[in-house]
Protein backbone atom coordinates (compact mmCIF):
# COMPACT_ATOMS: atom_id res chain seq x y z
CA MET A 1 -5.92 -27.90 -0.75
CA SER A 2 -5.29 -24.17 -0.18
CA ILE A 3 -7.72 -22.70 2.33
CA TYR A 4 -8.87 -19.99 -0.10
CA LYS A 5 -11.03 -22.55 -1.90
CA ARG A 6 -13.37 -22.65 1.10
CA PHE A 7 -14.39 -19.08 0.49
CA CYS A 8 -14.81 -18.86 -3.28
CA ALA A 9 -15.93 -20.55 -6.48
CA GLU A 10 -13.67 -20.35 -9.54
CA VAL A 11 -14.70 -20.66 -13.19
CA PHE A 12 -12.05 -21.42 -15.83
CA ASP A 13 -12.16 -20.99 -19.60
CA SER A 14 -11.31 -23.61 -22.22
CA ASN A 15 -7.60 -22.78 -21.85
CA GLY A 16 -7.66 -23.35 -18.11
CA ASN A 17 -7.40 -19.65 -17.24
CA LEU A 18 -9.52 -18.06 -14.53
CA SER A 19 -12.51 -16.28 -16.05
CA LYS A 20 -14.68 -15.64 -12.98
CA ILE A 21 -14.41 -15.87 -9.22
CA THR A 22 -17.20 -15.38 -6.71
CA LEU A 23 -16.89 -15.27 -2.93
CA ASN A 24 -18.83 -17.27 -0.37
CA PHE A 25 -18.09 -16.49 3.26
CA PRO A 26 -19.90 -16.37 6.61
CA ASP A 27 -21.32 -13.14 7.99
CA ASN A 28 -18.74 -13.22 10.78
CA PHE A 29 -15.72 -13.94 8.56
CA ASN A 30 -12.52 -12.94 10.33
CA PHE A 31 -9.11 -13.58 8.75
CA GLY A 32 -7.51 -14.17 12.15
CA TYR A 33 -9.81 -17.00 13.16
CA ASP A 34 -11.01 -18.41 9.83
CA VAL A 35 -7.68 -18.42 8.00
CA VAL A 36 -4.69 -18.19 10.37
CA ASP A 37 -6.15 -20.24 13.22
CA ALA A 38 -7.80 -22.69 10.83
CA ILE A 39 -4.49 -23.42 9.08
CA ALA A 40 -2.74 -23.65 12.46
CA LEU A 41 -5.29 -26.21 13.64
CA GLU A 42 -5.00 -28.43 10.56
CA THR A 43 -1.32 -28.01 9.62
CA PRO A 44 0.38 -26.35 12.60
CA ASP A 45 3.88 -26.82 11.21
CA LYS A 46 3.08 -25.21 7.85
CA ARG A 47 5.50 -22.37 7.17
CA ALA A 48 3.89 -18.92 7.34
CA MET A 49 6.79 -16.45 7.36
CA VAL A 50 10.54 -16.39 6.81
CA TRP A 51 12.05 -13.27 8.39
CA CYS A 52 15.57 -11.88 8.35
CA ASN A 53 17.24 -8.51 8.80
CA THR A 54 20.44 -6.70 7.93
CA GLU A 55 22.06 -7.88 11.21
CA ASN A 56 21.82 -11.50 10.00
CA GLU A 57 19.08 -12.42 12.44
CA GLU A 58 16.48 -14.82 11.10
CA HIS A 59 13.26 -16.45 12.26
CA ILE A 60 10.96 -18.93 10.59
CA PHE A 61 7.39 -18.83 11.88
CA THR A 62 4.77 -21.55 11.39
CA PHE A 63 1.04 -20.88 11.39
CA ALA A 64 0.93 -22.31 14.90
CA ASP A 65 3.49 -19.67 15.88
CA ILE A 66 1.43 -16.88 14.30
CA LYS A 67 -1.68 -18.13 16.10
CA ASN A 68 0.03 -18.33 19.48
CA TYR A 69 1.91 -15.03 19.29
CA SER A 70 -1.12 -13.16 17.99
CA ASN A 71 -3.23 -14.63 20.82
CA LYS A 72 -0.65 -13.46 23.36
CA MET A 73 -0.64 -9.98 21.87
CA ALA A 74 -4.44 -9.93 21.68
CA ASN A 75 -4.60 -10.72 25.40
CA VAL A 76 -2.20 -7.85 26.18
CA PHE A 77 -4.30 -5.48 24.09
CA LYS A 78 -7.59 -6.69 25.58
CA ASN A 79 -6.28 -6.26 29.13
CA ALA A 80 -5.33 -2.68 28.15
CA GLY A 81 -8.95 -2.01 27.20
CA ILE A 82 -8.68 -2.31 23.41
CA SER A 83 -11.82 -3.81 21.93
CA ARG A 84 -14.03 -4.07 18.86
CA GLY A 85 -14.08 -0.86 16.81
CA ASP A 86 -11.16 0.81 18.58
CA ARG A 87 -8.59 2.39 16.27
CA VAL A 88 -4.93 1.52 16.69
CA ILE A 89 -1.99 3.03 14.79
CA VAL A 90 0.70 0.45 13.98
CA ILE A 91 4.22 1.62 13.03
CA LEU A 92 6.32 -1.54 12.92
CA LYS A 93 8.34 -1.24 9.72
CA ARG A 94 9.16 -4.78 8.57
CA HIS A 95 9.51 -6.21 12.10
CA TYR A 96 7.92 -9.65 12.47
CA GLU A 97 5.78 -8.22 15.30
CA TYR A 98 3.67 -6.51 12.63
CA TRP A 99 2.14 -9.87 11.68
CA PHE A 100 1.38 -10.70 15.32
CA ALA A 101 -0.18 -7.25 15.80
CA ALA A 102 -2.28 -7.38 12.62
CA ILE A 103 -3.81 -10.76 13.48
CA ALA A 104 -4.24 -9.80 17.15
CA LEU A 105 -6.14 -6.64 16.24
CA HIS A 106 -8.25 -8.52 13.69
CA LYS A 107 -9.20 -11.06 16.36
CA LEU A 108 -10.21 -8.25 18.70
CA GLY A 109 -12.29 -6.59 15.98
CA ALA A 110 -10.18 -3.44 16.33
CA VAL A 111 -9.35 -1.15 13.40
CA MET A 112 -5.67 -1.28 12.45
CA ILE A 113 -4.11 1.90 11.02
CA PRO A 114 -0.77 0.96 9.41
CA ALA A 115 1.68 3.86 9.13
CA THR A 116 5.26 4.30 7.98
CA HIS A 117 8.11 5.25 10.33
CA MET A 118 8.99 8.04 7.88
CA LEU A 119 6.06 10.19 9.04
CA THR A 120 6.93 13.52 10.62
CA VAL A 121 5.48 14.81 13.89
CA ASN A 122 2.97 16.91 11.92
CA ASP A 123 1.93 13.83 9.93
CA LEU A 124 1.36 11.94 13.18
CA VAL A 125 -0.61 14.79 14.76
CA TYR A 126 -2.97 14.80 11.80
CA ARG A 127 -3.49 11.02 11.90
CA LEU A 128 -3.94 10.92 15.67
CA ASN A 129 -6.58 13.63 15.61
CA ALA A 130 -8.35 12.44 12.47
CA SER A 131 -8.74 8.87 13.68
CA ASP A 132 -9.20 9.51 17.44
CA VAL A 133 -6.93 6.56 18.21
CA LYS A 134 -7.18 4.33 21.26
CA ALA A 135 -3.60 3.06 21.05
CA VAL A 136 -0.29 3.22 19.18
CA VAL A 137 2.03 0.25 18.61
CA CYS A 138 5.47 1.15 17.35
CA THR A 139 9.09 0.29 16.73
CA TYR A 140 11.79 1.69 18.99
CA GLN A 141 13.90 2.56 15.95
CA ASN A 142 14.18 5.79 13.90
CA ASP A 143 13.14 7.99 16.85
CA VAL A 144 9.54 6.86 16.38
CA PRO A 145 8.65 6.83 20.13
CA GLU A 146 10.04 10.35 20.49
CA LYS A 147 8.00 11.59 17.52
CA ILE A 148 4.87 9.94 18.90
CA ARG A 149 5.33 11.55 22.32
CA GLU A 150 5.82 14.94 20.69
CA ALA A 151 2.77 14.47 18.47
CA ILE A 152 0.51 13.37 21.32
CA ALA A 153 1.51 16.48 23.27
CA GLU A 154 -0.06 18.54 20.48
CA THR A 155 -3.41 16.71 20.79
CA ASN A 156 -6.01 16.22 23.51
CA LEU A 157 -5.66 12.44 23.22
CA ASN A 158 -4.24 9.99 25.73
CA PRO A 159 -3.78 6.74 23.81
CA GLN A 160 -2.26 3.53 25.16
CA LEU A 161 1.35 3.30 23.95
CA PHE A 162 3.18 0.08 23.14
CA CYS A 163 6.73 -0.43 21.87
CA VAL A 164 8.36 -3.68 20.73
CA GLN A 165 11.82 -5.07 21.42
CA ASN A 166 12.76 -2.34 23.90
CA SER A 167 11.56 -0.57 27.02
CA THR A 168 10.89 3.10 26.32
CA ASP A 169 9.63 5.81 28.69
CA GLY A 170 5.86 6.10 28.54
CA PHE A 171 5.42 2.94 26.47
CA VAL A 172 4.44 -0.57 27.53
CA ASP A 173 7.20 -3.03 26.60
CA LEU A 174 5.00 -5.21 24.41
CA THR A 175 7.65 -7.87 23.88
CA SER A 176 8.00 -8.42 27.64
CA ALA A 177 4.25 -8.21 28.26
CA MET A 178 3.62 -10.94 25.69
CA LYS A 179 5.86 -13.38 27.58
CA GLU A 180 3.44 -13.35 30.52
CA ALA A 181 0.28 -13.49 28.39
CA SER A 182 -1.79 -16.58 27.66
CA GLU A 183 -1.74 -18.35 24.27
CA ASP A 184 -5.47 -18.96 24.59
CA PHE A 185 -7.82 -16.35 23.17
CA PRO A 186 -11.52 -17.17 22.70
CA ARG A 187 -13.22 -15.96 19.55
CA GLN A 188 -14.62 -12.45 19.83
CA PRO A 189 -17.80 -11.36 18.01
CA THR A 190 -17.04 -9.53 14.75
CA LEU A 191 -18.83 -9.12 11.42
CA ALA A 192 -17.46 -9.21 7.89
CA THR A 193 -18.91 -5.73 7.39
CA ASP A 194 -17.08 -4.24 10.41
CA PRO A 195 -14.19 -1.84 9.72
CA MET A 196 -10.86 -3.69 9.86
CA LEU A 197 -8.24 -1.46 8.21
CA LEU A 198 -7.78 2.28 7.86
CA TYR A 199 -5.16 3.58 5.43
CA PHE A 200 -4.36 7.24 4.92
CA THR A 201 -3.86 7.92 1.23
CA SER A 202 -2.68 11.10 -0.45
CA GLY A 203 -5.25 13.57 -1.74
CA THR A 204 -4.84 16.34 -4.30
CA THR A 205 -6.67 19.18 -2.59
CA GLY A 206 -6.21 18.44 1.09
CA TYR A 207 -4.60 16.26 3.71
CA PRO A 208 -4.57 12.46 3.28
CA LYS A 209 -7.95 10.73 3.20
CA GLY A 210 -8.73 7.87 5.57
CA VAL A 211 -9.66 4.79 3.50
CA ILE A 212 -11.64 2.17 5.44
CA HIS A 213 -11.72 -1.54 4.51
CA ASP A 214 -13.89 -4.17 6.15
CA PHE A 215 -13.19 -7.73 7.32
CA ALA A 216 -14.10 -9.21 3.91
CA TYR A 217 -11.23 -7.26 2.28
CA PRO A 218 -8.58 -10.04 2.62
CA LEU A 219 -10.69 -12.38 0.47
CA ALA A 220 -10.55 -9.95 -2.45
CA HIS A 221 -6.77 -10.51 -2.47
CA ILE A 222 -7.13 -14.16 -3.51
CA VAL A 223 -6.82 -13.03 -7.13
CA THR A 224 -3.91 -10.72 -6.24
CA ALA A 225 -1.82 -13.51 -4.77
CA LYS A 226 -2.91 -16.59 -6.70
CA TYR A 227 -3.30 -15.24 -10.22
CA TRP A 228 -1.05 -12.15 -10.38
CA HIS A 229 1.76 -12.80 -7.91
CA GLN A 230 1.38 -16.51 -8.70
CA ALA A 231 2.13 -17.36 -5.08
CA GLU A 232 2.26 -21.14 -4.72
CA ASP A 233 0.97 -23.42 -1.98
CA GLY A 234 4.15 -24.25 -0.08
CA GLY A 235 6.07 -21.53 -1.94
CA LEU A 236 7.73 -18.36 -0.65
CA HIS A 237 6.48 -14.98 -1.85
CA PHE A 238 8.49 -11.77 -1.43
CA THR A 239 6.87 -8.34 -1.76
CA VAL A 240 9.34 -5.57 -0.90
CA ALA A 241 6.83 -3.05 0.54
CA GLU A 242 7.08 -1.66 4.06
CA THR A 243 4.10 -2.42 6.29
CA GLY A 244 2.98 1.21 6.52
CA TRP A 245 1.65 1.07 2.98
CA ALA A 246 -1.37 -0.68 1.47
CA LYS A 247 0.95 -2.66 -0.81
CA ALA A 248 1.88 -4.70 2.28
CA SER A 249 -1.74 -5.87 2.48
CA TRP A 250 -1.50 -6.81 -1.18
CA GLY A 251 1.69 -8.82 -0.93
CA LYS A 252 2.78 -9.65 2.60
CA ILE A 253 -0.11 -11.35 4.37
CA TYR A 254 -3.70 -11.88 3.21
CA GLY A 255 -3.80 -13.35 -0.28
CA GLN A 256 -0.50 -15.18 0.16
CA TRP A 257 -1.63 -17.03 3.29
CA LEU A 258 -5.01 -17.77 1.71
CA ALA A 259 -3.13 -19.32 -1.23
CA GLY A 260 -0.96 -21.40 1.13
CA SER A 261 2.27 -19.52 0.45
CA ALA A 262 4.69 -18.34 3.10
CA VAL A 263 5.80 -14.72 3.00
CA MET A 264 9.43 -13.61 2.87
CA VAL A 265 10.19 -10.55 4.99
CA TYR A 266 13.51 -8.71 4.80
CA ASP A 267 13.75 -6.05 7.50
CA PHE A 268 15.93 -3.24 6.13
CA ASP A 269 16.08 0.55 5.96
CA ASN A 270 18.32 1.31 2.99
CA PHE A 271 17.70 -0.51 -0.26
CA ASP A 272 20.65 -2.53 -1.57
CA PRO A 273 20.07 -4.57 -4.76
CA LYS A 274 22.81 -7.03 -3.89
CA GLN A 275 21.33 -7.75 -0.45
CA LEU A 276 17.85 -8.11 -1.94
CA THR A 277 18.88 -10.70 -4.51
CA GLY A 278 20.98 -12.40 -1.83
CA VAL A 279 17.83 -12.90 0.25
CA ILE A 280 15.96 -14.27 -2.77
CA ASN A 281 18.66 -16.87 -3.38
CA ARG A 282 19.45 -17.69 0.25
CA TYR A 283 15.88 -18.58 1.13
CA GLY A 284 14.62 -19.84 -2.23
CA VAL A 285 12.01 -17.20 -2.99
CA THR A 286 9.60 -18.45 -5.67
CA SER A 287 7.64 -15.27 -6.49
CA PHE A 288 8.61 -11.61 -6.18
CA CYS A 289 6.87 -8.24 -6.41
CA ALA A 290 8.39 -4.76 -6.24
CA PRO A 291 7.75 -1.28 -7.62
CA PRO A 292 9.51 -0.29 -10.87
CA THR A 293 12.06 1.72 -8.86
CA VAL A 294 13.48 -1.54 -7.46
CA TYR A 295 13.73 -3.13 -10.90
CA ARG A 296 15.47 -0.01 -12.21
CA TYR A 297 18.11 -0.36 -9.48
CA LEU A 298 18.49 -4.08 -10.18
CA VAL A 299 18.99 -3.50 -13.91
CA ARG A 300 21.44 -0.68 -13.28
CA LYS A 301 23.53 -2.63 -10.74
CA GLY A 302 23.42 -5.98 -12.49
CA ILE A 303 21.06 -8.90 -11.90
CA PRO A 304 22.59 -12.16 -10.65
CA SER A 305 21.14 -15.57 -11.38
CA MET A 306 18.04 -16.31 -9.27
CA PRO A 307 17.30 -19.98 -10.01
CA THR A 308 14.39 -20.47 -7.57
CA LEU A 309 12.45 -17.43 -8.80
CA LYS A 310 9.51 -18.46 -10.99
CA HIS A 311 7.55 -15.24 -11.29
CA ALA A 312 8.05 -11.47 -10.99
CA SER A 313 5.47 -8.69 -10.88
CA THR A 314 5.37 -4.92 -10.47
CA ALA A 315 2.94 -2.07 -9.80
CA GLY A 316 2.78 1.49 -8.50
CA GLU A 317 4.05 3.49 -11.46
CA MET A 318 4.98 3.24 -15.13
CA LEU A 319 7.67 0.69 -16.02
CA ALA A 320 10.23 1.71 -18.62
CA THR A 321 10.45 -0.57 -21.66
CA GLU A 322 14.22 -0.84 -21.29
CA VAL A 323 13.91 -2.13 -17.72
CA PHE A 324 11.23 -4.64 -18.72
CA ARG A 325 13.40 -6.03 -21.52
CA LYS A 326 16.69 -6.14 -19.62
CA PHE A 327 15.14 -7.90 -16.64
CA SER A 328 13.51 -10.46 -18.92
CA GLU A 329 16.73 -11.03 -20.86
CA ARG A 330 18.72 -11.61 -17.69
CA THR A 331 16.24 -13.78 -15.78
CA GLY A 332 14.06 -15.37 -18.44
CA LEU A 333 11.06 -13.98 -16.54
CA GLU A 334 8.63 -11.47 -17.99
CA LEU A 335 7.54 -8.78 -15.58
CA CYS A 336 3.79 -8.85 -15.00
CA GLU A 337 2.40 -5.39 -14.38
CA GLY A 338 -0.69 -4.79 -12.29
CA TYR A 339 -2.89 -1.90 -11.25
CA GLY A 340 -5.13 -1.02 -8.34
CA GLN A 341 -5.59 1.56 -5.60
CA THR A 342 -5.51 1.88 -1.83
CA GLU A 343 -9.30 2.01 -2.12
CA THR A 344 -9.42 -1.32 -3.94
CA THR A 345 -7.55 -4.56 -4.47
CA LEU A 346 -6.01 -5.57 -7.81
CA LEU A 347 -8.17 -4.29 -10.69
CA LEU A 348 -6.12 -4.98 -13.83
CA ALA A 349 -3.07 -7.16 -14.39
CA ASN A 350 -1.13 -9.47 -16.63
CA PHE A 351 -2.58 -12.61 -15.12
CA LYS A 352 -1.46 -16.22 -14.85
CA GLY A 353 -1.96 -18.04 -18.14
CA SER A 354 -1.63 -14.95 -20.30
CA THR A 355 1.45 -13.63 -22.09
CA PRO A 356 2.49 -10.36 -20.39
CA VAL A 357 2.20 -7.40 -22.74
CA GLU A 358 5.07 -4.99 -22.24
CA GLY A 359 3.86 -1.69 -20.79
CA SER A 360 0.23 -2.77 -20.47
CA MET A 361 -1.82 -2.68 -17.26
CA GLY A 362 -3.17 -6.04 -18.42
CA THR A 363 -6.77 -7.18 -18.47
CA PRO A 364 -9.57 -6.76 -15.91
CA SER A 365 -9.54 -8.94 -12.81
CA PRO A 366 -12.08 -11.79 -12.98
CA PHE A 367 -13.22 -10.57 -9.56
CA TYR A 368 -14.52 -7.18 -10.77
CA ASN A 369 -16.76 -5.81 -13.51
CA ILE A 370 -14.57 -3.09 -15.02
CA GLU A 371 -15.30 -0.70 -17.87
CA LEU A 372 -13.93 2.50 -19.38
CA ARG A 373 -16.42 5.35 -19.21
CA GLY A 374 -16.50 8.80 -20.80
CA LYS A 375 -17.28 12.16 -19.15
CA ASN A 376 -21.02 11.58 -19.33
CA GLY A 377 -20.88 8.02 -18.05
CA GLU A 378 -21.02 6.43 -21.51
CA LYS A 379 -18.97 3.35 -22.35
CA VAL A 380 -16.10 4.31 -24.68
CA ASP A 381 -15.02 2.47 -27.81
CA VAL A 382 -11.82 0.48 -28.31
CA GLY A 383 -8.84 2.84 -28.56
CA GLU A 384 -10.64 5.73 -26.89
CA ILE A 385 -9.52 7.14 -23.55
CA GLY A 386 -11.92 6.75 -20.65
CA GLU A 387 -11.97 6.51 -16.88
CA VAL A 388 -11.50 3.11 -15.23
CA VAL A 389 -14.68 2.38 -13.25
CA ILE A 390 -15.98 -0.59 -11.24
CA ILE A 391 -19.58 -1.68 -11.70
CA PRO A 392 -20.77 -3.61 -8.61
CA GLU A 393 -22.80 -6.76 -9.08
CA GLU A 394 -24.95 -5.80 -6.11
CA GLU A 395 -26.06 -2.21 -5.66
CA GLY A 396 -24.03 -0.45 -3.00
CA ARG A 397 -21.84 -3.46 -2.15
CA GLN A 398 -18.57 -4.57 -3.75
CA VAL A 399 -16.19 -6.68 -1.67
CA GLY A 400 -12.63 -5.43 -2.10
CA VAL A 401 -13.64 -1.81 -2.64
CA PHE A 402 -13.35 0.38 0.45
CA SER A 403 -16.42 0.89 2.60
CA GLY A 404 -15.93 4.60 3.27
CA TYR A 405 -13.68 7.61 3.70
CA LEU A 406 -13.08 8.55 7.32
CA ASP A 407 -15.57 11.31 8.25
CA ASN A 408 -16.01 12.25 4.59
CA LYS A 409 -19.27 10.89 3.20
CA GLU A 410 -19.38 13.64 0.58
CA GLN A 411 -16.13 12.45 -1.02
CA PHE A 412 -17.26 8.81 -0.79
CA ASP A 413 -20.55 9.62 -2.53
CA TYR A 414 -18.62 11.54 -5.19
CA VAL A 415 -16.36 8.62 -6.18
CA TRP A 416 -19.46 6.35 -6.18
CA ARG A 417 -21.56 8.72 -8.30
CA GLY A 418 -23.84 7.12 -10.86
CA GLY A 419 -23.78 3.77 -9.08
CA VAL A 420 -20.20 2.96 -10.13
CA TYR A 421 -16.84 3.46 -8.44
CA HIS A 422 -14.71 6.09 -10.19
CA THR A 423 -10.96 5.45 -9.90
CA GLY A 424 -9.93 8.82 -11.34
CA ASP A 425 -7.48 7.02 -13.65
CA ALA A 426 -7.57 7.31 -17.42
CA ALA A 427 -6.80 4.43 -19.77
CA TYR A 428 -7.68 3.00 -23.15
CA MET A 429 -8.27 -0.57 -24.31
CA ASP A 430 -6.69 -2.04 -27.44
CA GLU A 431 -8.36 -4.48 -29.84
CA ASN A 432 -7.00 -7.43 -27.83
CA GLY A 433 -8.61 -6.31 -24.60
CA HIS A 434 -5.46 -5.01 -22.95
CA TYR A 435 -5.65 -1.78 -20.98
CA TRP A 436 -3.05 0.99 -21.24
CA PHE A 437 -2.56 3.64 -18.56
CA HIS A 438 -2.95 7.21 -19.80
CA GLY A 439 -2.68 9.20 -16.58
CA ARG A 440 -4.64 10.43 -13.60
CA PHE A 441 -7.50 12.86 -13.81
CA ASP A 442 -6.18 14.38 -10.61
CA ASP A 443 -2.70 15.52 -9.65
CA ILE A 444 -1.37 12.66 -7.51
CA ILE A 445 2.41 12.20 -7.91
CA LYS A 446 3.82 8.67 -8.01
CA THR A 447 7.48 8.78 -7.02
CA GLY A 448 9.68 5.82 -6.15
CA GLY A 449 6.62 3.66 -5.52
CA PHE A 450 4.98 6.23 -3.18
CA ARG A 451 1.86 8.35 -3.75
CA VAL A 452 2.26 12.01 -2.84
CA GLY A 453 -0.49 14.62 -2.86
CA PRO A 454 0.82 18.03 -3.98
CA TYR A 455 -1.19 19.83 -1.29
CA GLU A 456 0.91 18.27 1.48
CA VAL A 457 4.12 19.66 -0.03
CA GLU A 458 2.62 23.00 -1.09
CA ASN A 459 1.28 23.56 2.42
CA VAL A 460 4.82 23.41 3.84
CA LEU A 461 6.33 25.44 0.97
CA MET A 462 3.98 28.31 1.69
CA GLU A 463 5.44 28.64 5.19
CA HIS A 464 8.67 30.00 3.69
CA GLU A 465 8.65 33.79 3.73
CA ALA A 466 9.92 34.09 0.15
CA VAL A 467 7.14 31.98 -1.38
CA VAL A 468 4.02 33.87 -2.38
CA GLU A 469 2.54 31.19 -4.63
CA CYS A 470 3.53 27.64 -5.52
CA SER A 471 2.52 24.55 -7.45
CA VAL A 472 3.92 21.04 -6.96
CA ILE A 473 3.88 18.54 -9.83
CA GLY A 474 5.54 15.26 -10.80
CA VAL A 475 8.04 15.29 -13.66
CA PRO A 476 9.66 12.33 -15.48
CA ASP A 477 12.63 10.86 -13.66
CA ALA A 478 14.70 7.90 -14.87
CA LEU A 479 15.21 6.49 -11.37
CA ARG A 480 12.01 7.34 -9.48
CA GLY A 481 9.47 7.31 -12.30
CA GLN A 482 8.51 10.83 -11.25
CA ALA A 483 10.42 13.44 -9.26
CA ILE A 484 8.69 16.11 -7.19
CA LYS A 485 9.08 19.57 -8.68
CA ALA A 486 8.06 22.85 -7.07
CA ILE A 487 7.14 25.81 -9.29
CA ILE A 488 7.37 29.00 -7.25
CA VAL A 489 6.38 32.64 -7.57
CA LEU A 490 8.56 34.72 -5.24
CA GLY A 491 7.36 37.55 -3.03
CA LYS A 492 8.36 41.17 -3.36
CA GLY A 493 12.02 41.74 -2.58
CA TYR A 494 13.18 38.24 -3.50
CA LYS A 495 15.05 37.28 -6.66
CA PRO A 496 15.72 33.82 -8.08
CA SER A 497 19.14 32.42 -7.18
CA LYS A 498 20.79 29.08 -6.57
CA GLU A 499 21.23 29.99 -2.92
CA LEU A 500 17.53 30.77 -2.47
CA GLU A 501 16.59 27.57 -4.29
CA LEU A 502 18.71 25.50 -1.87
CA GLU A 503 17.36 27.41 1.12
CA ILE A 504 13.72 26.81 0.14
CA ARG A 505 14.34 23.17 -0.66
CA ASP A 506 16.13 22.53 2.65
CA PHE A 507 13.48 24.46 4.58
CA THR A 508 10.71 22.34 3.05
CA ASN A 509 12.38 18.94 3.02
CA GLN A 510 13.32 19.18 6.69
CA ARG A 511 9.60 19.38 7.45
CA LEU A 512 8.52 16.52 5.15
CA ALA A 513 8.83 12.75 5.22
CA GLU A 514 11.67 11.74 2.90
CA TYR A 515 9.44 10.27 0.22
CA LYS A 516 7.79 13.72 -0.18
CA TRP A 517 11.07 15.61 -0.71
CA ILE A 518 11.28 18.26 -3.41
CA ARG A 519 13.98 17.40 -5.96
CA ILE A 520 13.61 20.31 -8.41
CA ILE A 521 12.65 23.97 -8.05
CA GLU A 522 11.69 26.39 -10.81
CA PHE A 523 11.02 30.09 -10.26
CA VAL A 524 8.39 31.73 -12.49
CA GLU A 525 6.79 35.15 -12.78
CA GLU A 526 3.22 33.81 -12.85
CA MET A 527 1.15 30.62 -12.94
CA PRO A 528 -1.20 29.47 -15.72
CA LYS A 529 -4.72 29.67 -14.26
CA THR A 530 -8.32 28.94 -15.09
CA ILE A 531 -10.88 31.73 -15.31
CA SER A 532 -11.81 30.92 -11.70
CA GLY A 533 -8.20 31.38 -10.58
CA LYS A 534 -7.15 27.74 -10.15
CA ILE A 535 -3.58 26.83 -11.13
CA GLN A 536 -3.57 24.63 -14.24
CA LYS A 537 -1.16 21.85 -13.31
CA SER A 538 -1.96 20.02 -16.53
CA ILE A 539 -0.38 22.88 -18.51
CA GLN A 540 2.63 22.93 -16.21
CA ARG A 541 3.15 19.20 -16.72
CA GLN A 542 2.94 19.55 -20.49
CA THR A 543 5.89 21.95 -20.54
CA GLN A 544 8.24 19.62 -18.66
């Protein structure tokens, strides 16, 4: 029996489909002890992770391995003074050490802050200062240690620094330190309501917001893994996401291990469809999840036979009908779309037992009470556009929905106004109960599976001497879903030209993480504005 059943009660309808799930867990629930260590105790040889990289290295880890390595790492961290409530940035790409670090930090009761290696020095400075970190754990690749050293020099912080797989000046060689550490680690006191994860997610009017999840959060991913990804007990699930993003929590650890499935991890930098499908076939992947960008590449380059694959899912942006149909024709599998946010777990999806509806977000998760509400909080009728909101069963408490924004109670109270959680996403429901995405009420750009706040790009654009005013929006793009476009008003003495366009783009992109790069620039004489002087991005998007 999968261990997830210890923590929930499931109700099924007359067709055998999940209609309701409720959680039941102890006040001190901790994924490290109550899931990983529990599985390791009962079935130590059960496969937890299959890992490989582009250099043809591979490792297969059992749950006993994960328990022992995470205990070793936890001892190293504890001896360095890291304890309950301390915040630790983790930049480990798709290295297998990420899983050791995550469980080690959970066992300590520390707050893990996953981050991508693509962050710039300025990105790191912001995160270091905003979260007042106690430590940083990182890869030696992609100049990450150098960027971290440079970022720390711009702060008043003095965090503990750890690096894996290599000795680097100023960093503890974590791989070597673990060899001397004990495999025994007694249970530390933690509570299910303690902060466990902190993700920085893009905002529309400022720098990224810190989204805090508590120790009960992994349990909300039971539905994600079991009924959307359709991860099987004894199976092998493959979510493509890098560990710096919340999608890794959705598909590379919590729900999958709760459901008894191993996770497939392919450690790569540059996406290659042929290599990806080679991994699926070489290791016998049974379920797969990737953003639409990956499926677009697969369809464009040709999809080989994948006989072990039983289920495929996607989320993060709109999926083109042509891609949906071609993938299904080639594989016999219908892509199951899903929807949620960094602040939540899976909210809507084409779930197990239902026939996927092409282009639909699916139906509400049996774990949440979800409605569409109008501007005044009223429930909208079938076919009418409304905002997706979550109505908690208990006032002020909804497992799976974040517990707060870092140092921003005002924003937290705003999204929870009226006693419901406001997603900021617009949709409508058809007569069959399927939801259809209509757009965001804010200006978040979804490009290549990443979320980008326009403010972050505009802030850098404005540093160029020729730019007097700018607006960044997302425009339709066949490959990325959306491409980032900058609309610019030039200062006195500057005239539009191809040379100036390239200069501004290069100036900006050199200062941004790659996923935030500007792809298109348009020069205009003036911006459409509201009576209060705010740029009307909605009008700009309509003209694209």
